[in-house]
Amino acid sequence: KTANEKFTVSGNQLVDRVKQLIREGNIRKVRVLHEGRTVLEIPLSIGAPAAAIGILAAPVLAALGAFAALVTECTIEVEKVEK
């Protein structure tokens, strides 16, 4: 069973918030929206080792950081697996 949550964050909080969500570990998908449009979608495998997520996420987080510098506010939509 999955549950969706949405968070509105300022651009300068975006990368830190996404990293925090990834570390929680029960995330299936992270979607970044700006003005109602999906800017970036990050599918995550359940239970992936933290090291693998770090390697996978580095280029994605770099792109996210560049995007975050351009916007004042965006929405993070998270699909979580309920335990």
N, C-alpha and C. Protein backbone atom coordinates (compact mmCIF):
# COMPACT_ATOMS: atom_id res chain seq x y z
N LYS A 1 0.85 -1.18 0.00
CA LYS A 1 0.00 0.00 0.00
C LYS A 1 0.89 1.24 0.00
N THR A 2 0.51 2.24 -0.80
CA THR A 2 1.31 3.46 -0.87
C THR A 2 0.48 4.66 -0.41
N ALA A 3 1.20 5.70 -0.03
CA ALA A 3 0.57 6.95 0.37
C ALA A 3 1.34 8.09 -0.26
N ASN A 4 0.63 9.13 -0.68
CA ASN A 4 1.29 10.29 -1.27
C ASN A 4 1.30 11.44 -0.28
N GLU A 5 2.39 12.16 -0.26
CA GLU A 5 2.51 13.36 0.57
C GLU A 5 3.08 14.46 -0.31
N LYS A 6 2.68 15.69 -0.02
CA LYS A 6 3.22 16.84 -0.75
C LYS A 6 3.81 17.83 0.24
N PHE A 7 4.93 18.41 -0.15
CA PHE A 7 5.60 19.43 0.66
C PHE A 7 5.91 20.60 -0.25
N THR A 8 5.63 21.80 0.20
CA THR A 8 6.03 22.98 -0.54
C THR A 8 7.27 23.53 0.15
N VAL A 9 8.32 23.72 -0.63
CA VAL A 9 9.58 24.20 -0.07
C VAL A 9 10.13 25.33 -0.92
N SER A 10 10.98 26.15 -0.30
CA SER A 10 11.65 27.19 -1.08
C SER A 10 12.79 26.55 -1.86
N GLY A 11 13.23 27.21 -2.90
CA GLY A 11 14.28 26.67 -3.74
C GLY A 11 15.53 26.28 -2.98
N ASN A 12 15.93 27.11 -1.99
CA ASN A 12 17.16 26.81 -1.26
C ASN A 12 17.01 25.63 -0.29
N GLN A 13 15.79 25.17 -0.02
CA GLN A 13 15.57 24.01 0.86
C GLN A 13 15.39 22.71 0.07
N LEU A 14 15.23 22.83 -1.23
CA LEU A 14 14.83 21.69 -2.06
C LEU A 14 15.78 20.50 -1.96
N VAL A 15 17.07 20.70 -2.19
CA VAL A 15 18.02 19.58 -2.21
C VAL A 15 18.10 18.91 -0.84
N ASP A 16 18.17 19.70 0.22
CA ASP A 16 18.25 19.12 1.57
C ASP A 16 17.00 18.31 1.89
N ARG A 17 15.85 18.80 1.50
CA ARG A 17 14.59 18.09 1.80
C ARG A 17 14.53 16.77 1.02
N VAL A 18 14.94 16.78 -0.24
CA VAL A 18 14.93 15.55 -1.04
C VAL A 18 15.91 14.54 -0.45
N LYS A 19 17.10 14.99 -0.04
CA LYS A 19 18.08 14.08 0.59
C LYS A 19 17.49 13.46 1.85
N GLN A 20 16.83 14.29 2.65
CA GLN A 20 16.21 13.81 3.89
C GLN A 20 15.16 12.75 3.59
N LEU A 21 14.34 12.98 2.59
CA LEU A 21 13.30 12.02 2.22
C LEU A 21 13.90 10.70 1.73
N ILE A 22 14.96 10.78 0.93
CA ILE A 22 15.62 9.57 0.43
C ILE A 22 16.17 8.75 1.58
N ARG A 23 16.76 9.44 2.58
CA ARG A 23 17.34 8.74 3.74
C ARG A 23 16.28 8.00 4.56
N GLU A 24 15.03 8.47 4.52
CA GLU A 24 13.97 7.80 5.28
C GLU A 24 13.78 6.36 4.83
N GLY A 25 14.05 6.07 3.56
CA GLY A 25 14.12 4.70 3.09
C GLY A 25 12.82 4.04 2.64
N ASN A 26 11.66 4.57 2.98
CA ASN A 26 10.42 3.92 2.57
C ASN A 26 9.76 4.67 1.40
N ILE A 27 10.59 5.35 0.64
CA ILE A 27 10.11 6.17 -0.47
C ILE A 27 10.19 5.36 -1.76
N ARG A 28 9.13 5.37 -2.52
CA ARG A 28 9.10 4.69 -3.81
C ARG A 28 9.44 5.66 -4.94
N LYS A 29 8.97 6.92 -4.80
CA LYS A 29 9.18 7.88 -5.88
C LYS A 29 9.17 9.29 -5.30
N VAL A 30 10.05 10.14 -5.82
CA VAL A 30 10.06 11.56 -5.46
C VAL A 30 9.83 12.34 -6.75
N ARG A 31 8.88 13.25 -6.72
CA ARG A 31 8.57 14.06 -7.90
C ARG A 31 8.67 15.53 -7.49
N VAL A 32 9.37 16.31 -8.28
CA VAL A 32 9.50 17.74 -8.02
C VAL A 32 8.63 18.48 -9.02
N LEU A 33 7.74 19.32 -8.50
CA LEU A 33 6.80 20.06 -9.34
C LEU A 33 7.05 21.55 -9.21
N HIS A 34 6.90 22.25 -10.31
CA HIS A 34 6.99 23.71 -10.29
C HIS A 34 5.84 24.24 -11.12
N GLU A 35 5.01 25.07 -10.51
CA GLU A 35 3.83 25.63 -11.18
C GLU A 35 2.97 24.54 -11.80
N GLY A 36 2.80 23.45 -11.05
CA GLY A 36 1.91 22.37 -11.49
C GLY A 36 2.50 21.38 -12.48
N ARG A 37 3.72 21.62 -12.94
CA ARG A 37 4.35 20.71 -13.91
C ARG A 37 5.46 19.92 -13.25
N THR A 38 5.57 18.65 -13.64
CA THR A 38 6.66 17.81 -13.13
C THR A 38 7.96 18.24 -13.77
N VAL A 39 8.93 18.60 -12.93
CA VAL A 39 10.24 19.03 -13.40
C VAL A 39 11.21 17.86 -13.38
N LEU A 40 11.10 17.04 -12.32
CA LEU A 40 12.01 15.92 -12.15
C LEU A 40 11.30 14.82 -11.39
N GLU A 41 11.48 13.58 -11.83
CA GLU A 41 10.90 12.44 -11.14
C GLU A 41 12.04 11.47 -10.83
N ILE A 42 12.13 11.07 -9.56
CA ILE A 42 13.21 10.17 -9.14
C ILE A 42 12.60 8.88 -8.61
N PRO A 43 12.64 7.80 -9.41
CA PRO A 43 12.15 6.52 -8.89
C PRO A 43 13.21 5.91 -7.98
N LEU A 44 12.80 5.38 -6.85
CA LEU A 44 13.74 4.76 -5.91
C LEU A 44 13.29 3.34 -5.63
N SER A 45 14.25 2.42 -5.60
CA SER A 45 13.89 1.05 -5.27
C SER A 45 13.79 0.92 -3.76
N ILE A 46 12.84 0.16 -3.31
CA ILE A 46 12.62 -0.03 -1.88
C ILE A 46 13.78 -0.81 -1.28
N GLY A 47 14.31 -0.32 -0.19
CA GLY A 47 15.37 -1.02 0.52
C GLY A 47 16.72 -0.98 -0.17
N ALA A 48 16.89 -0.07 -1.12
CA ALA A 48 18.20 0.04 -1.78
C ALA A 48 19.23 0.48 -0.76
N PRO A 49 20.42 -0.08 -0.82
CA PRO A 49 21.45 0.33 0.14
C PRO A 49 21.74 1.83 0.01
N ALA A 50 22.03 2.45 1.12
CA ALA A 50 22.28 3.89 1.14
C ALA A 50 23.40 4.29 0.19
N ALA A 51 24.44 3.45 0.10
CA ALA A 51 25.56 3.77 -0.79
C ALA A 51 25.11 3.83 -2.25
N ALA A 52 24.27 2.88 -2.65
CA ALA A 52 23.77 2.85 -4.02
C ALA A 52 22.92 4.08 -4.30
N ILE A 53 22.11 4.47 -3.34
CA ILE A 53 21.29 5.67 -3.51
C ILE A 53 22.19 6.89 -3.64
N GLY A 54 23.25 6.96 -2.84
CA GLY A 54 24.18 8.09 -2.91
C GLY A 54 24.84 8.21 -4.27
N ILE A 55 25.27 7.08 -4.82
CA ILE A 55 25.91 7.07 -6.14
C ILE A 55 24.90 7.46 -7.22
N LEU A 56 23.70 6.90 -7.15
CA LEU A 56 22.66 7.21 -8.12
C LEU A 56 22.22 8.66 -8.01
N ALA A 57 22.10 9.14 -6.78
CA ALA A 57 21.50 10.44 -6.55
C ALA A 57 22.44 11.61 -6.82
N ALA A 58 23.75 11.40 -6.78
CA ALA A 58 24.68 12.52 -6.93
C ALA A 58 24.41 13.37 -8.18
N PRO A 59 24.34 12.78 -9.39
CA PRO A 59 24.06 13.62 -10.56
C PRO A 59 22.65 14.20 -10.53
N VAL A 60 21.71 13.45 -9.99
CA VAL A 60 20.33 13.92 -9.90
C VAL A 60 20.26 15.11 -8.95
N LEU A 61 20.95 15.01 -7.81
CA LEU A 61 20.95 16.11 -6.84
C LEU A 61 21.67 17.33 -7.38
N ALA A 62 22.69 17.13 -8.20
CA ALA A 62 23.38 18.26 -8.83
C ALA A 62 22.42 19.00 -9.77
N ALA A 63 21.67 18.25 -10.55
CA ALA A 63 20.69 18.85 -11.45
C ALA A 63 19.60 19.56 -10.64
N LEU A 64 19.20 18.93 -9.56
CA LEU A 64 18.17 19.50 -8.69
C LEU A 64 18.67 20.81 -8.07
N GLY A 65 19.93 20.84 -7.68
CA GLY A 65 20.52 22.06 -7.12
C GLY A 65 20.52 23.20 -8.12
N ALA A 66 20.84 22.88 -9.38
CA ALA A 66 20.84 23.90 -10.43
C ALA A 66 19.42 24.44 -10.65
N PHE A 67 18.45 23.54 -10.66
CA PHE A 67 17.05 23.95 -10.81
C PHE A 67 16.61 24.79 -9.62
N ALA A 68 16.97 24.36 -8.41
CA ALA A 68 16.55 25.05 -7.18
C ALA A 68 17.04 26.49 -7.16
N ALA A 69 18.21 26.73 -7.76
CA ALA A 69 18.76 28.08 -7.78
C ALA A 69 17.91 29.02 -8.64
N LEU A 70 17.11 28.45 -9.53
CA LEU A 70 16.31 29.26 -10.45
C LEU A 70 14.90 29.56 -9.96
N VAL A 71 14.44 28.84 -8.95
CA VAL A 71 13.05 29.01 -8.51
C VAL A 71 13.00 29.47 -7.05
N THR A 72 11.91 30.15 -6.72
CA THR A 72 11.74 30.57 -5.33
C THR A 72 10.98 29.54 -4.53
N GLU A 73 10.12 28.79 -5.20
CA GLU A 73 9.30 27.81 -4.48
C GLU A 73 8.91 26.67 -5.41
N CYS A 74 8.83 25.48 -4.86
CA CYS A 74 8.36 24.34 -5.64
C CYS A 74 7.73 23.33 -4.69
N THR A 75 7.13 22.30 -5.26
CA THR A 75 6.45 21.29 -4.48
C THR A 75 7.16 19.95 -4.67
N ILE A 76 7.34 19.23 -3.57
CA ILE A 76 7.89 17.88 -3.63
C ILE A 76 6.72 16.93 -3.34
N GLU A 77 6.48 16.01 -4.26
CA GLU A 77 5.45 14.99 -4.06
C GLU A 77 6.16 13.67 -3.83
N VAL A 78 5.79 12.99 -2.76
CA VAL A 78 6.48 11.76 -2.38
C VAL A 78 5.48 10.61 -2.36
N GLU A 79 5.87 9.49 -2.95
CA GLU A 79 5.06 8.26 -2.87
C GLU A 79 5.77 7.35 -1.89
N LYS A 80 5.12 7.11 -0.75
CA LYS A 80 5.71 6.28 0.31
C LYS A 80 5.05 4.94 0.37
N VAL A 81 5.81 3.96 0.80
CA VAL A 81 5.26 2.63 1.06
C VAL A 81 4.91 2.58 2.54
N GLU A 82 3.65 2.31 2.84
CA GLU A 82 3.25 2.23 4.23
C GLU A 82 3.58 0.86 4.77
N LYS A 83 4.16 0.85 5.97
CA LYS A 83 4.59 -0.41 6.56
C LYS A 83 3.50 -1.00 7.41
